[in-house]
C-alpha atoms as a PDB file:
ATOM      1  CA  MET A   1       1.945 -20.793  -8.395  1.00  0.00           C
ATOM      2  CA  LYS A   2       5.695 -18.650  -8.248  1.00  0.00           C
ATOM      3  CA  LEU A   3       4.614 -15.597  -6.772  1.00  0.00           C
ATOM      4  CA  LEU A   4       6.892 -12.272  -6.540  1.00  0.00           C
ATOM      5  CA  ILE A   5       5.940 -10.167  -3.212  1.00  0.00           C
ATOM      6  CA  THR A   6       8.132  -6.519  -3.742  1.00  0.00           C
ATOM      7  CA  GLY A   7       8.549  -4.951  -0.381  1.00  0.00           C
ATOM      8  CA  MET A   8       8.354  -8.233   1.884  1.00  0.00           C
ATOM      9  CA  ALA A   9      10.152  -6.546   4.594  1.00  0.00           C
ATOM     10  CA  GLY A  10       7.698  -3.723   4.756  1.00  0.00           C
ATOM     11  CA  PHE A  11       3.978  -3.583   6.313  1.00  0.00           C
ATOM     12  CA  ILE A  12       1.999  -4.663   4.204  1.00  0.00           C
ATOM     13  CA  GLY A  13       4.170  -7.295   2.798  1.00  0.00           C
ATOM     14  CA  HIS A  14       4.414  -8.932   4.931  1.00  0.00           C
ATOM     15  CA  ALA A  15       1.320  -9.357   5.747  1.00  0.00           C
ATOM     16  CA  VAL A  16       0.524 -10.682   2.195  1.00  0.00           C
ATOM     17  CA  ALA A  17       2.999 -13.164   2.452  1.00  0.00           C
ATOM     18  CA  LYS A  18       2.239 -14.441   5.608  1.00  0.00           C
ATOM     19  CA  ARG A  19      -1.758 -14.843   4.374  1.00  0.00           C
ATOM     20  CA  LEU A  20      -0.372 -16.467   1.356  1.00  0.00           C
ATOM     21  CA  SER A  21       2.038 -18.843   3.070  1.00  0.00           C
ATOM     22  CA  GLY A  22       0.762 -22.701   3.470  1.00  0.00           C
ATOM     23  CA  GLN A  23      -1.304 -22.441   0.346  1.00  0.00           C
ATOM     24  CA  GLY A  24       1.041 -24.697  -2.063  1.00  0.00           C
ATOM     25  CA  HIS A  25       2.686 -21.504  -3.655  1.00  0.00           C
ATOM     26  CA  GLU A  26       6.346 -20.850  -4.271  1.00  0.00           C
ATOM     27  CA  ILE A  27       6.756 -17.381  -2.704  1.00  0.00           C
ATOM     28  CA  ALA A  28       9.891 -15.287  -3.299  1.00  0.00           C
ATOM     29  CA  GLY A  29      10.149 -12.068  -1.547  1.00  0.00           C
ATOM     30  CA  ILE A  30      12.099  -9.094  -2.056  1.00  0.00           C
ATOM     31  CA  ASP A  31      13.247  -5.604  -0.122  1.00  0.00           C
ATOM     32  CA  ASN A  32      16.117  -3.269   0.347  1.00  0.00           C
ATOM     33  CA  LEU A  33      16.115  -2.840   3.471  1.00  0.00           C
ATOM     34  CA  ASN A  34      16.567   0.730   3.358  1.00  0.00           C
ATOM     35  CA  ASP A  35      16.657   3.127   6.185  1.00  0.00           C
ATOM     36  CA  TYR A  36      13.913   5.176   5.830  1.00  0.00           C
ATOM     37  CA  TYR A  37      12.580   4.108   9.049  1.00  0.00           C
ATOM     38  CA  ASP A  38      14.145   1.329  11.801  1.00  0.00           C
ATOM     39  CA  VAL A  39      15.460  -1.489   9.600  1.00  0.00           C
ATOM     40  CA  ALA A  40      15.345  -3.683  12.849  1.00  0.00           C
ATOM     41  CA  LEU A  41      11.173  -3.607  12.166  1.00  0.00           C
ATOM     42  CA  LYS A  42      11.964  -4.884   8.800  1.00  0.00           C
ATOM     43  CA  GLN A  43      13.621  -7.604  10.294  1.00  0.00           C
ATOM     44  CA  ALA A  44      11.845  -8.622  12.997  1.00  0.00           C
ATOM     45  CA  ARG A  45       9.132  -8.865   9.864  1.00  0.00           C
ATOM     46  CA  LEU A  46      11.177 -10.960   7.938  1.00  0.00           C
ATOM     47  CA  ASP A  47      11.873 -13.131  10.972  1.00  0.00           C
ATOM     48  CA  ASP A  48       8.354 -13.384  11.807  1.00  0.00           C
ATOM     49  CA  LEU A  49       7.885 -15.350   8.531  1.00  0.00           C
ATOM     50  CA  ALA A  50      11.149 -17.543   8.568  1.00  0.00           C
ATOM     51  CA  PRO A  51       9.355 -20.163   9.678  1.00  0.00           C
ATOM     52  CA  CYS A  52       7.400 -19.946   6.279  1.00  0.00           C
ATOM     53  CA  GLU A  53       9.223 -22.922   4.080  1.00  0.00           C
ATOM     54  CA  ASP A  54       7.107 -21.712   1.310  1.00  0.00           C
ATOM     55  CA  ILE A  55       9.025 -18.174   1.419  1.00  0.00           C
ATOM     56  CA  THR A  56      12.379 -17.237   0.325  1.00  0.00           C
ATOM     57  CA  PHE A  57      13.455 -13.496   0.659  1.00  0.00           C
ATOM     58  CA  ILE A  58      16.307 -11.832  -1.370  1.00  0.00           C
ATOM     59  CA  LYS A  59      17.713  -8.745  -0.870  1.00  0.00           C
ATOM     60  CA  LEU A  60      17.383  -6.587  -4.185  1.00  0.00           C
ATOM     61  CA  ASP A  61      16.928  -3.267  -5.205  1.00  0.00           C
ATOM     62  CA  LEU A  62      14.134  -2.420  -7.198  1.00  0.00           C
ATOM     63  CA  ALA A  63      16.189   0.254  -9.476  1.00  0.00           C
ATOM     64  CA  ASP A  64      18.982  -2.697  -9.935  1.00  0.00           C
ATOM     65  CA  ARG A  65      17.920  -3.282 -13.739  1.00  0.00           C
ATOM     66  CA  ALA A  66      20.244  -5.884 -13.904  1.00  0.00           C
ATOM     67  CA  GLY A  67      19.556  -7.716 -10.749  1.00  0.00           C
ATOM     68  CA  MET A  68      15.718  -7.248 -11.828  1.00  0.00           C
ATOM     69  CA  GLU A  69      15.997  -8.773 -14.972  1.00  0.00           C
ATOM     70  CA  ALA A  70      18.240 -11.412 -13.494  1.00  0.00           C
ATOM     71  CA  LEU A  71      15.513 -12.541 -10.803  1.00  0.00           C
ATOM     72  CA  PHE A  72      12.624 -12.338 -13.437  1.00  0.00           C
ATOM     73  CA  ALA A  73      14.625 -14.881 -15.820  1.00  0.00           C
ATOM     74  CA  GLU A  74      15.683 -16.933 -13.057  1.00  0.00           C
ATOM     75  CA  ARG A  75      12.565 -17.284 -11.231  1.00  0.00           C
ATOM     76  CA  ARG A  76       9.569 -16.838 -14.247  1.00  0.00           C
ATOM     77  CA  PHE A  77       7.399 -15.718 -11.611  1.00  0.00           C
ATOM     78  CA  ASP A  78       3.317 -16.552 -12.953  1.00  0.00           C
ATOM     79  CA  ARG A  79       2.019 -13.516 -10.720  1.00  0.00           C
ATOM     80  CA  VAL A  80       3.333 -10.308  -8.790  1.00  0.00           C
ATOM     81  CA  ILE A  81       2.275  -8.391  -6.093  1.00  0.00           C
ATOM     82  CA  HIS A  82       3.904  -5.483  -6.714  1.00  0.00           C
ATOM     83  CA  LEU A  83       3.858  -3.281  -2.796  1.00  0.00           C
ATOM     84  CA  ALA A  84       7.740  -1.926  -2.595  1.00  0.00           C
ATOM     85  CA  ALA A  85       7.810   1.921  -2.863  1.00  0.00           C
ATOM     86  CA  GLN A  86       9.310   4.945  -1.702  1.00  0.00           C
ATOM     87  CA  ALA A  87       5.987   5.836   0.889  1.00  0.00           C
ATOM     88  CA  GLY A  88       5.766   8.787   2.822  1.00  0.00           C
ATOM     89  CA  VAL A  89       3.958  12.570   1.536  1.00  0.00           C
ATOM     90  CA  ARG A  90       6.114  14.711   4.115  1.00  0.00           C
ATOM     91  CA  TYR A  91       9.323  12.526   3.325  1.00  0.00           C
ATOM     92  CA  SER A  92       8.998  13.466  -0.396  1.00  0.00           C
ATOM     93  CA  LEU A  93       9.511  17.230   0.348  1.00  0.00           C
ATOM     94  CA  GLU A  94      13.042  16.491   1.758  1.00  0.00           C
ATOM     95  CA  ASN A  95      14.159  13.634  -0.798  1.00  0.00           C
ATOM     96  CA  PRO A  96      12.286  13.610  -3.901  1.00  0.00           C
ATOM     97  CA  HIS A  97      15.052  11.676  -5.701  1.00  0.00           C
ATOM     98  CA  VAL A  98      14.365   8.219  -3.528  1.00  0.00           C
ATOM     99  CA  TYR A  99      10.678   8.651  -5.041  1.00  0.00           C
ATOM    100  CA  ALA A 100      12.200   8.520  -8.622  1.00  0.00           C
ATOM    101  CA  ASN A 101      14.702   5.757  -8.127  1.00  0.00           C
ATOM    102  CA  ALA A 102      12.201   3.551  -6.386  1.00  0.00           C
ATOM    103  CA  ASN A 103       8.605   4.489  -7.680  1.00  0.00           C
ATOM    104  CA  LEU A 104       9.562   5.006 -11.145  1.00  0.00           C
ATOM    105  CA  LEU A 105      12.707   3.522 -11.949  1.00  0.00           C
ATOM    106  CA  GLY A 106      12.009   0.573  -9.877  1.00  0.00           C
ATOM    107  CA  PHE A 107       8.730  -0.072 -11.237  1.00  0.00           C
ATOM    108  CA  LEU A 108       9.653   0.503 -14.675  1.00  0.00           C
ATOM    109  CA  ASN A 109      12.200  -2.497 -13.786  1.00  0.00           C
ATOM    110  CA  VAL A 110       8.865  -4.304 -12.067  1.00  0.00           C
ATOM    111  CA  LEU A 111       7.393  -3.812 -15.483  1.00  0.00           C
ATOM    112  CA  GLU A 112       9.840  -4.672 -17.854  1.00  0.00           C
ATOM    113  CA  GLY A 113      10.199  -7.988 -16.129  1.00  0.00           C
ATOM    114  CA  CYS A 114       6.609  -8.819 -16.034  1.00  0.00           C
ATOM    115  CA  ARG A 115       6.305  -8.035 -19.927  1.00  0.00           C
ATOM    116  CA  GLN A 116       9.603 -10.125 -20.324  1.00  0.00           C
ATOM    117  CA  GLN A 117       8.496 -13.460 -18.979  1.00  0.00           C
ATOM    118  CA  GLN A 118       4.894 -13.109 -19.359  1.00  0.00           C
ATOM    119  CA  VAL A 119       3.647 -12.901 -16.242  1.00  0.00           C
ATOM    120  CA  GLU A 120      -0.280 -13.825 -15.796  1.00  0.00           C
ATOM    121  CA  HIS A 121      -1.186 -11.048 -13.163  1.00  0.00           C
ATOM    122  CA  LEU A 122       0.850  -8.068 -12.330  1.00  0.00           C
ATOM    123  CA  VAL A 123      -1.304  -5.935  -9.103  1.00  0.00           C
ATOM    124  CA  TYR A 124       0.445  -3.001  -7.973  1.00  0.00           C
ATOM    125  CA  ALA A 125      -0.035  -0.688  -5.314  1.00  0.00           C
ATOM    126  CA  SER A 126      -1.312   3.358  -5.744  1.00  0.00           C
ATOM    127  CA  SER A 127      -2.688   5.153  -3.352  1.00  0.00           C
ATOM    128  CA  SER A 128      -5.526   7.270  -2.277  1.00  0.00           C
ATOM    129  CA  SER A 129      -2.950  10.292  -2.245  1.00  0.00           C
ATOM    130  CA  VAL A 130      -3.438  10.647  -6.154  1.00  0.00           C
ATOM    131  CA  TYR A 131      -6.941  12.120  -5.350  1.00  0.00           C
ATOM    132  CA  GLY A 132      -5.648  15.792  -4.337  1.00  0.00           C
ATOM    133  CA  MET A 133      -7.478  17.967  -3.076  1.00  0.00           C
ATOM    134  CA  ASN A 134     -10.644  16.632  -4.636  1.00  0.00           C
ATOM    135  CA  ASP A 135     -13.329  17.447  -3.005  1.00  0.00           C
ATOM    136  CA  LYS A 136     -16.262  15.184  -4.430  1.00  0.00           C
ATOM    137  CA  VAL A 137     -17.133  12.138  -1.764  1.00  0.00           C
ATOM    138  CA  PRO A 138     -16.640   9.487  -1.667  1.00  0.00           C
ATOM    139  CA  PHE A 139     -13.476   9.543  -4.184  1.00  0.00           C
ATOM    140  CA  ALA A 140     -14.314   7.150  -7.236  1.00  0.00           C
ATOM    141  CA  THR A 141     -11.631   5.898  -9.276  1.00  0.00           C
ATOM    142  CA  SER A 142     -13.566   7.849 -12.601  1.00  0.00           C
ATOM    143  CA  ASP A 143     -12.337  10.855 -10.667  1.00  0.00           C
ATOM    144  CA  ASN A 144     -10.061  13.347 -11.939  1.00  0.00           C
ATOM    145  CA  VAL A 145      -6.946  12.607 -10.637  1.00  0.00           C
ATOM    146  CA  ASP A 146      -4.544  14.927 -12.559  1.00  0.00           C
ATOM    147  CA  GLN A 147      -3.711  17.324 -10.299  1.00  0.00           C
ATOM    148  CA  PRO A 148      -1.574  15.808  -7.463  1.00  0.00           C
ATOM    149  CA  ILE A 149      -0.378  17.650  -4.432  1.00  0.00           C
ATOM    150  CA  SER A 150       3.113  16.319  -3.464  1.00  0.00           C
ATOM    151  CA  LEU A 151       5.652  14.428  -5.474  1.00  0.00           C
ATOM    152  CA  TYR A 152       4.819  10.669  -3.686  1.00  0.00           C
ATOM    153  CA  ALA A 153       1.444  11.218  -5.223  1.00  0.00           C
ATOM    154  CA  ALA A 154       2.717  12.164  -8.377  1.00  0.00           C
ATOM    155  CA  THR A 155       5.044   8.880  -8.460  1.00  0.00           C
ATOM    156  CA  LYS A 156       1.690   6.942  -7.682  1.00  0.00           C
ATOM    157  CA  LYS A 157      -0.499   8.604 -10.613  1.00  0.00           C
ATOM    158  CA  ALA A 158       2.598   8.061 -12.915  1.00  0.00           C
ATOM    159  CA  ASN A 159       2.510   4.605 -11.970  1.00  0.00           C
ATOM    160  CA  GLU A 160      -1.046   3.849 -13.015  1.00  0.00           C
ATOM    161  CA  LEU A 161      -0.353   5.372 -16.035  1.00  0.00           C
ATOM    162  CA  MET A 162       2.670   3.581 -16.900  1.00  0.00           C
ATOM    163  CA  ALA A 163       1.098   0.057 -16.246  1.00  0.00           C
ATOM    164  CA  HIS A 164      -1.944   0.756 -18.289  1.00  0.00           C
ATOM    165  CA  THR A 165       0.717   1.494 -21.360  1.00  0.00           C
ATOM    166  CA  TYR A 166       2.119  -1.867 -20.805  1.00  0.00           C
ATOM    167  CA  ALA A 167      -1.154  -3.534 -20.125  1.00  0.00           C
ATOM    168  CA  HIS A 168      -2.290  -1.896 -23.542  1.00  0.00           C
ATOM    169  CA  LEU A 169       0.768  -2.323 -25.532  1.00  0.00           C
ATOM    170  CA  TYR A 170       2.002  -5.652 -24.374  1.00  0.00           C
ATOM    171  CA  ARG A 171      -1.172  -7.056 -23.412  1.00  0.00           C
ATOM    172  CA  LEU A 172       0.019  -7.561 -19.627  1.00  0.00           C
ATOM    173  CA  PRO A 173      -3.213  -8.444 -17.438  1.00  0.00           C
ATOM    174  CA  ALA A 174      -2.165  -5.389 -14.441  1.00  0.00           C
ATOM    175  CA  THR A 175      -4.659  -4.364 -11.575  1.00  0.00           C
ATOM    176  CA  GLY A 176      -3.992  -0.849  -9.432  1.00  0.00           C
ATOM    177  CA  LEU A 177      -5.340  -0.901  -6.409  1.00  0.00           C
ATOM    178  CA  ARG A 178      -5.492   2.872  -4.458  1.00  0.00           C
ATOM    179  CA  PHE A 179      -4.640   2.297  -0.529  1.00  0.00           C
ATOM    180  CA  PHE A 180      -6.631   3.907   1.846  1.00  0.00           C
ATOM    181  CA  THR A 181      -4.595   4.802   5.021  1.00  0.00           C
ATOM    182  CA  VAL A 182      -3.565   1.077   5.989  1.00  0.00           C
ATOM    183  CA  TYR A 183      -2.942   0.517   9.944  1.00  0.00           C
ATOM    184  CA  GLY A 184      -2.426  -2.352  12.488  1.00  0.00           C
ATOM    185  CA  PRO A 185      -0.006  -4.806  13.777  1.00  0.00           C
ATOM    186  CA  TRP A 186       3.974  -4.690  12.316  1.00  0.00           C
ATOM    187  CA  GLY A 187       2.739  -1.107  11.183  1.00  0.00           C
ATOM    188  CA  ARG A 188       5.028   1.282   9.928  1.00  0.00           C
ATOM    189  CA  PRO A 189       6.418   4.160  12.664  1.00  0.00           C
ATOM    190  CA  ASP A 190       6.016   7.193  10.136  1.00  0.00           C
ATOM    191  CA  MET A 191       2.046   6.787  10.278  1.00  0.00           C
ATOM    192  CA  ALA A 192      -0.163   8.292  13.079  1.00  0.00           C
ATOM    193  CA  MET A 193      -1.274   4.879  14.554  1.00  0.00           C
ATOM    194  CA  PHE A 194       2.149   4.252  15.535  1.00  0.00           C
ATOM    195  CA  LYS A 195       3.332   7.722  16.216  1.00  0.00           C
ATOM    196  CA  PHE A 196      -0.145   8.780  18.503  1.00  0.00           C
ATOM    197  CA  THR A 197       0.412   5.387  20.543  1.00  0.00           C
ATOM    198  CA  ARG A 198       4.217   5.501  21.174  1.00  0.00           C
ATOM    199  CA  ALA A 199       3.547   9.416  22.150  1.00  0.00           C
ATOM    200  CA  ILE A 200       0.382   8.847  24.378  1.00  0.00           C
ATOM    201  CA  LEU A 201       2.531   5.366  25.852  1.00  0.00           C
ATOM    202  CA  GLU A 202       5.764   7.932  26.325  1.00  0.00           C
ATOM    203  CA  GLY A 203       3.939  10.933  27.610  1.00  0.00           C
ATOM    204  CA  LYS A 204       4.797  12.859  25.497  1.00  0.00           C
ATOM    205  CA  PRO A 205       2.518  15.506  23.181  1.00  0.00           C
ATOM    206  CA  LEU A 206       1.276  14.309  20.165  1.00  0.00           C
ATOM    207  CA  ASP A 207       1.412  16.445  16.592  1.00  0.00           C
ATOM    208  CA  VAL A 208      -2.328  16.741  15.334  1.00  0.00           C
ATOM    209  CA  TYR A 209      -2.698  19.019  11.920  1.00  0.00           C
ATOM    210  CA  ASN A 210      -5.122  21.134  10.702  1.00  0.00           C
ATOM    211  CA  HIS A 211      -6.132  21.734  14.037  1.00  0.00           C
ATOM    212  CA  GLY A 212      -7.482  17.958  14.047  1.00  0.00           C
ATOM    213  CA  ASP A 213      -9.836  19.267  11.429  1.00  0.00           C
ATOM    214  CA  MET A 214      -9.099  16.005   9.515  1.00  0.00           C
ATOM    215  CA  SER A 215     -10.768  12.368   8.600  1.00  0.00           C
ATOM    216  CA  ARG A 216      -9.240   9.324   6.682  1.00  0.00           C
ATOM    217  CA  ASP A 217     -10.463   6.317   5.419  1.00  0.00           C
ATOM    218  CA  PHE A 218      -8.586   3.953   8.137  1.00  0.00           C
ATOM    219  CA  THR A 219      -8.236   0.230   6.880  1.00  0.00           C
ATOM    220  CA  TYR A 220      -6.928  -2.707   9.012  1.00  0.00           C
ATOM    221  CA  ILE A 221      -4.553  -4.441   7.458  1.00  0.00           C
ATOM    222  CA  ASP A 222      -6.074  -8.131   7.532  1.00  0.00           C
ATOM    223  CA  ASP A 223      -8.862  -6.229   5.558  1.00  0.00           C
ATOM    224  CA  ILE A 224      -6.487  -4.682   2.918  1.00  0.00           C
ATOM    225  CA  VAL A 225      -4.700  -8.511   2.803  1.00  0.00           C
ATOM    226  CA  GLU A 226      -8.013 -10.030   1.992  1.00  0.00           C
ATOM    227  CA  GLY A 227      -8.786  -7.334  -0.955  1.00  0.00           C
ATOM    228  CA  VAL A 228      -5.004  -8.083  -2.136  1.00  0.00           C
ATOM    229  CA  VAL A 229      -5.645 -11.736  -1.775  1.00  0.00           C
ATOM    230  CA  ARG A 230      -8.840 -11.987  -3.763  1.00  0.00           C
ATOM    231  CA  ILE A 231      -7.953  -9.573  -6.601  1.00  0.00           C
ATOM    232  CA  LEU A 232      -4.912 -11.877  -7.226  1.00  0.00           C
ATOM    233  CA  GLU A 233      -7.497 -14.073  -8.802  1.00  0.00           C
ATOM    234  CA  VAL A 234      -9.748 -11.473 -10.713  1.00  0.00           C
ATOM    235  CA  ILE A 235      -7.244 -11.294 -13.920  1.00  0.00           C
ATOM    236  CA  PRO A 236      -8.496  -8.555 -16.125  1.00  0.00           C
ATOM    237  CA  ALA A 237      -9.112  -9.055 -19.649  1.00  0.00           C
ATOM    238  CA  ALA A 238      -9.413  -6.801 -22.909  1.00  0.00           C
ATOM    239  CA  PRO A 239     -11.518  -6.934 -25.505  1.00  0.00           C
ATOM    240  CA  GLU A 240     -10.425  -9.773 -28.410  1.00  0.00           C
ATOM    241  CA  SER A 241     -10.391  -6.720 -30.707  1.00  0.00           C
ATOM    242  CA  ASP A 242      -9.464  -3.113 -30.801  1.00  0.00           C
ATOM    243  CA  THR A 243     -12.361  -0.570 -31.136  1.00  0.00           C
ATOM    244  CA  ALA A 244     -13.229   3.096 -31.129  1.00  0.00           C
ATOM    245  CA  GLU A 245     -13.817   2.625 -27.672  1.00  0.00           C
ATOM    246  CA  PRO A 246     -11.833   4.866 -24.945  1.00  0.00           C
ATOM    247  CA  ALA A 247      -8.363   3.389 -24.436  1.00  0.00           C
ATOM    248  CA  ALA A 248      -9.083   1.812 -21.213  1.00  0.00           C
ATOM    249  CA  ALA A 249     -11.183  -0.772 -22.609  1.00  0.00           C
ATOM    250  CA  THR A 250      -8.894  -1.958 -24.815  1.00  0.00           C
ATOM    251  CA  ALA A 251      -6.486  -3.487 -22.390  1.00  0.00           C
ATOM    252  CA  PRO A 252      -6.330  -5.826 -19.606  1.00  0.00           C
ATOM    253  CA  TYR A 253      -6.378  -3.303 -17.060  1.00  0.00           C
ATOM    254  CA  ALA A 254      -8.436  -2.737 -13.623  1.00  0.00           C
ATOM    255  CA  LEU A 255      -8.492   0.066 -10.924  1.00  0.00           C
ATOM    256  CA  TYR A 256      -9.968   0.467  -7.636  1.00  0.00           C
ATOM    257  CA  ASN A 257      -9.572   2.013  -4.496  1.00  0.00           C
ATOM    258  CA  ILE A 258      -8.866  -0.527  -1.432  1.00  0.00           C
ATOM    259  CA  GLY A 259     -10.413   0.906   1.890  1.00  0.00           C
ATOM    260  CA  HIS A 260     -12.767   1.001   4.342  1.00  0.00           C
ATOM    261  CA  GLY A 261     -15.000   2.573   2.793  1.00  0.00           C
ATOM    262  CA  SER A 262     -16.125   5.089   6.072  1.00  0.00           C
ATOM    263  CA  PRO A 263     -13.935   7.649   6.758  1.00  0.00           C
ATOM    264  CA  VAL A 264     -13.622   8.876  10.630  1.00  0.00           C
ATOM    265  CA  GLY A 265     -12.212  11.914  12.767  1.00  0.00           C
ATOM    266  CA  LEU A 266      -8.800  12.457  13.473  1.00  0.00           C
ATOM    267  CA  MET A 267      -9.789  13.355  16.709  1.00  0.00           C
ATOM    268  CA  ASP A 268     -12.231  10.124  16.490  1.00  0.00           C
ATOM    269  CA  PHE A 269      -8.893   8.014  15.908  1.00  0.00           C
ATOM    270  CA  VAL A 270      -6.986   9.789  19.448  1.00  0.00           C
ATOM    271  CA  HIS A 271      -9.653   9.177  21.340  1.00  0.00           C
ATOM    272  CA  ALA A 272      -9.693   5.288  20.117  1.00  0.00           C
ATOM    273  CA  VAL A 273      -5.545   4.969  21.285  1.00  0.00           C
ATOM    274  CA  GLU A 274      -6.657   6.642  24.591  1.00  0.00           C
ATOM    275  CA  ALA A 275      -9.009   4.049  25.180  1.00  0.00           C
ATOM    276  CA  ALA A 276      -6.914   1.526  24.424  1.00  0.00           C
ATOM    277  CA  THR A 277      -3.939   2.513  25.942  1.00  0.00           C
ATOM    278  CA  GLY A 278      -5.942   3.943  28.951  1.00  0.00           C
ATOM    279  CA  ARG A 279      -3.732   7.093  28.912  1.00  0.00           C
ATOM    280  CA  GLU A 280      -5.045  10.579  27.624  1.00  0.00           C
ATOM    281  CA  ALA A 281      -3.422  12.441  24.730  1.00  0.00           C
ATOM    282  CA  ASN A 282      -1.345  15.646  25.118  1.00  0.00           C
ATOM    283  CA  CYS A 283      -2.119  17.006  21.426  1.00  0.00           C
ATOM    284  CA  ASN A 284      -0.019  19.924  20.059  1.00  0.00           C
ATOM    285  CA  TYR A 285      -2.638  20.861  17.101  1.00  0.00           C
ATOM    286  CA  LEU A 286      -0.570  22.498  14.154  1.00  0.00           C
ATOM    287  CA  PRO A 287      -1.467  23.906  10.889  1.00  0.00           C
ATOM    288  CA  MET A 288      -1.997  21.564   8.024  1.00  0.00           C
ATOM    289  CA  GLN A 289       1.142  19.866   6.323  1.00  0.00           C
ATOM    290  CA  PRO A 290       2.208  20.764   2.390  1.00  0.00           C
ATOM    291  CA  GLY A 291       0.948  17.878   0.622  1.00  0.00           C
ATOM    292  CA  ASP A 292      -0.882  16.631   2.895  1.00  0.00           C
ATOM    293  CA  VAL A 293      -4.941  16.261   2.646  1.00  0.00           C
ATOM    294  CA  PRO A 294      -8.321  17.068   4.955  1.00  0.00           C
ATOM    295  CA  ARG A 295      -9.618  14.233   4.142  1.00  0.00           C
ATOM    296  CA  THR A 296      -9.691  10.596   2.630  1.00  0.00           C
ATOM    297  CA  TRP A 297     -13.131   8.404   1.609  1.00  0.00           C
ATOM    298  CA  ALA A 298     -13.109   5.399  -0.224  1.00  0.00           C
ATOM    299  CA  ASP A 299     -16.210   4.547  -3.007  1.00  0.00           C
ATOM    300  CA  THR A 300     -15.086   0.755  -2.718  1.00  0.00           C
ATOM    301  CA  GLN A 301     -18.215  -0.511  -4.452  1.00  0.00           C
ATOM    302  CA  ALA A 302     -16.522  -1.540  -7.726  1.00  0.00           C
ATOM    303  CA  LEU A 303     -13.957  -3.817  -5.705  1.00  0.00           C
ATOM    304  CA  TYR A 304     -16.600  -5.395  -4.315  1.00  0.00           C
ATOM    305  CA  GLU A 305     -18.805  -6.111  -7.223  1.00  0.00           C
ATOM    306  CA  VAL A 306     -15.824  -8.640  -8.663  1.00  0.00           C
ATOM    307  CA  THR A 307     -14.642 -10.134  -4.982  1.00  0.00           C
ATOM    308  CA  GLY A 308     -17.234  -9.760  -2.922  1.00  0.00           C
ATOM    309  CA  TYR A 309     -14.839  -8.186  -0.536  1.00  0.00           C
ATOM    310  CA  GLN A 310     -16.146  -6.296   2.484  1.00  0.00           C
ATOM    311  CA  PRO A 311     -13.929  -4.928   5.375  1.00  0.00           C
ATOM    312  CA  THR A 312     -15.085  -5.633   8.771  1.00  0.00           C
ATOM    313  CA  ILE A 313     -12.814  -4.735  11.185  1.00  0.00           C
ATOM    314  CA  LYS A 314     -13.929  -1.354  12.940  1.00  0.00           C
ATOM    315  CA  VAL A 315     -11.505   1.232  14.077  1.00  0.00           C
ATOM    316  CA  GLU A 316     -12.063   0.776  17.833  1.00  0.00           C
ATOM    317  CA  GLU A 317     -10.936  -2.895  17.167  1.00  0.00           C
ATOM    318  CA  GLY A 318      -8.338  -2.361  14.766  1.00  0.00           C
ATOM    319  CA  VAL A 319      -6.700   0.539  17.147  1.00  0.00           C
ATOM    320  CA  ARG A 320      -6.921  -1.842  19.878  1.00  0.00           C
ATOM    321  CA  ARG A 321      -5.044  -4.806  18.452  1.00  0.00           C
ATOM    322  CA  PHE A 322      -2.320  -2.321  17.323  1.00  0.00           C
ATOM    323  CA  VAL A 323      -1.628  -1.259  20.796  1.00  0.00           C
ATOM    324  CA  ASP A 324      -1.985  -4.805  21.825  1.00  0.00           C
ATOM    325  CA  TRP A 325       1.030  -5.701  19.418  1.00  0.00           C
ATOM    326  CA  TYR A 326       2.775  -2.240  19.778  1.00  0.00           C
ATOM    327  CA  ARG A 327       2.906  -3.097  23.711  1.00  0.00           C
ATOM    328  CA  ASP A 328       4.675  -7.092  23.149  1.00  0.00           C
ATOM    329  CA  TYR A 329       6.505  -5.677  20.552  1.00  0.00           C
ATOM    330  CA  TYR A 330       8.478  -3.322  22.684  1.00  0.00           C
ATOM    331  CA  SER A 331       7.826  -4.676  26.371  1.00  0.00           C
ATOM    332  CA  VAL A 332       5.841  -1.726  27.615  1.00  0.00           C
END
């Protein structure tokens, strides 16, 4: 197939591209290589993909309407894996306009490209952040998510609504994946895994929010990639004719949680990093940050039923793999 992966220089985009390489596909990847975090790390991911002859990288901003139109018209993709976005809950408090450009306007350009070129299947990244302060666990896609507590979460909820609209109006098959705290080698420096490892290895204090009383459904990158690749083959279908059923039933649209399905306490996660590094953490306990949530926990049954996808990497193993990669990458 002809595949487009947006955000290919990103953490998940790089891993998905590497996984799909060598399977007979023609893969194009785009990224704007912005400086939200170390551009050298993004370039290193691209360098890691350079030996893959079936992958082509194009530097392009999602918000570039003309550039996106030209890309879709020229390449005529069969399927699209849309992973590019401005990420980060806390950063959305400081730089909100970046989120509108990348996550709203950028996503609209992706949807329009898919519509104009009649793409077979759009798989796009949503986020567990849409659940906000939901106190029912585990989180299910049937839960109400109309009260986001960060702009980032609001843009991801908007993506789901926009995708459903295009699925309903234009019969564009679209599947949204709500990612739950992805971690592992080549990860993002703004994520807890990276921050904790760096602080411990450098002997610096690490910030622990809500005084450590938090939990996350940490999901290892390889498990995430497996889920994405499998769902790419599960194209949602709509009923042959519209009925009086709810709108979701009239569109070729699907939405799934993609996570490990078992939350880990934040301090247990810190202890796993301590074990992997062989060093003790110096924790700086802080109150909860605006826009953050105390816990996440994915109900993944629906995804399992359609893909057979079942995460296998436990936190202790995943953390060890990340620390090994970190030591090698930074030569520490």
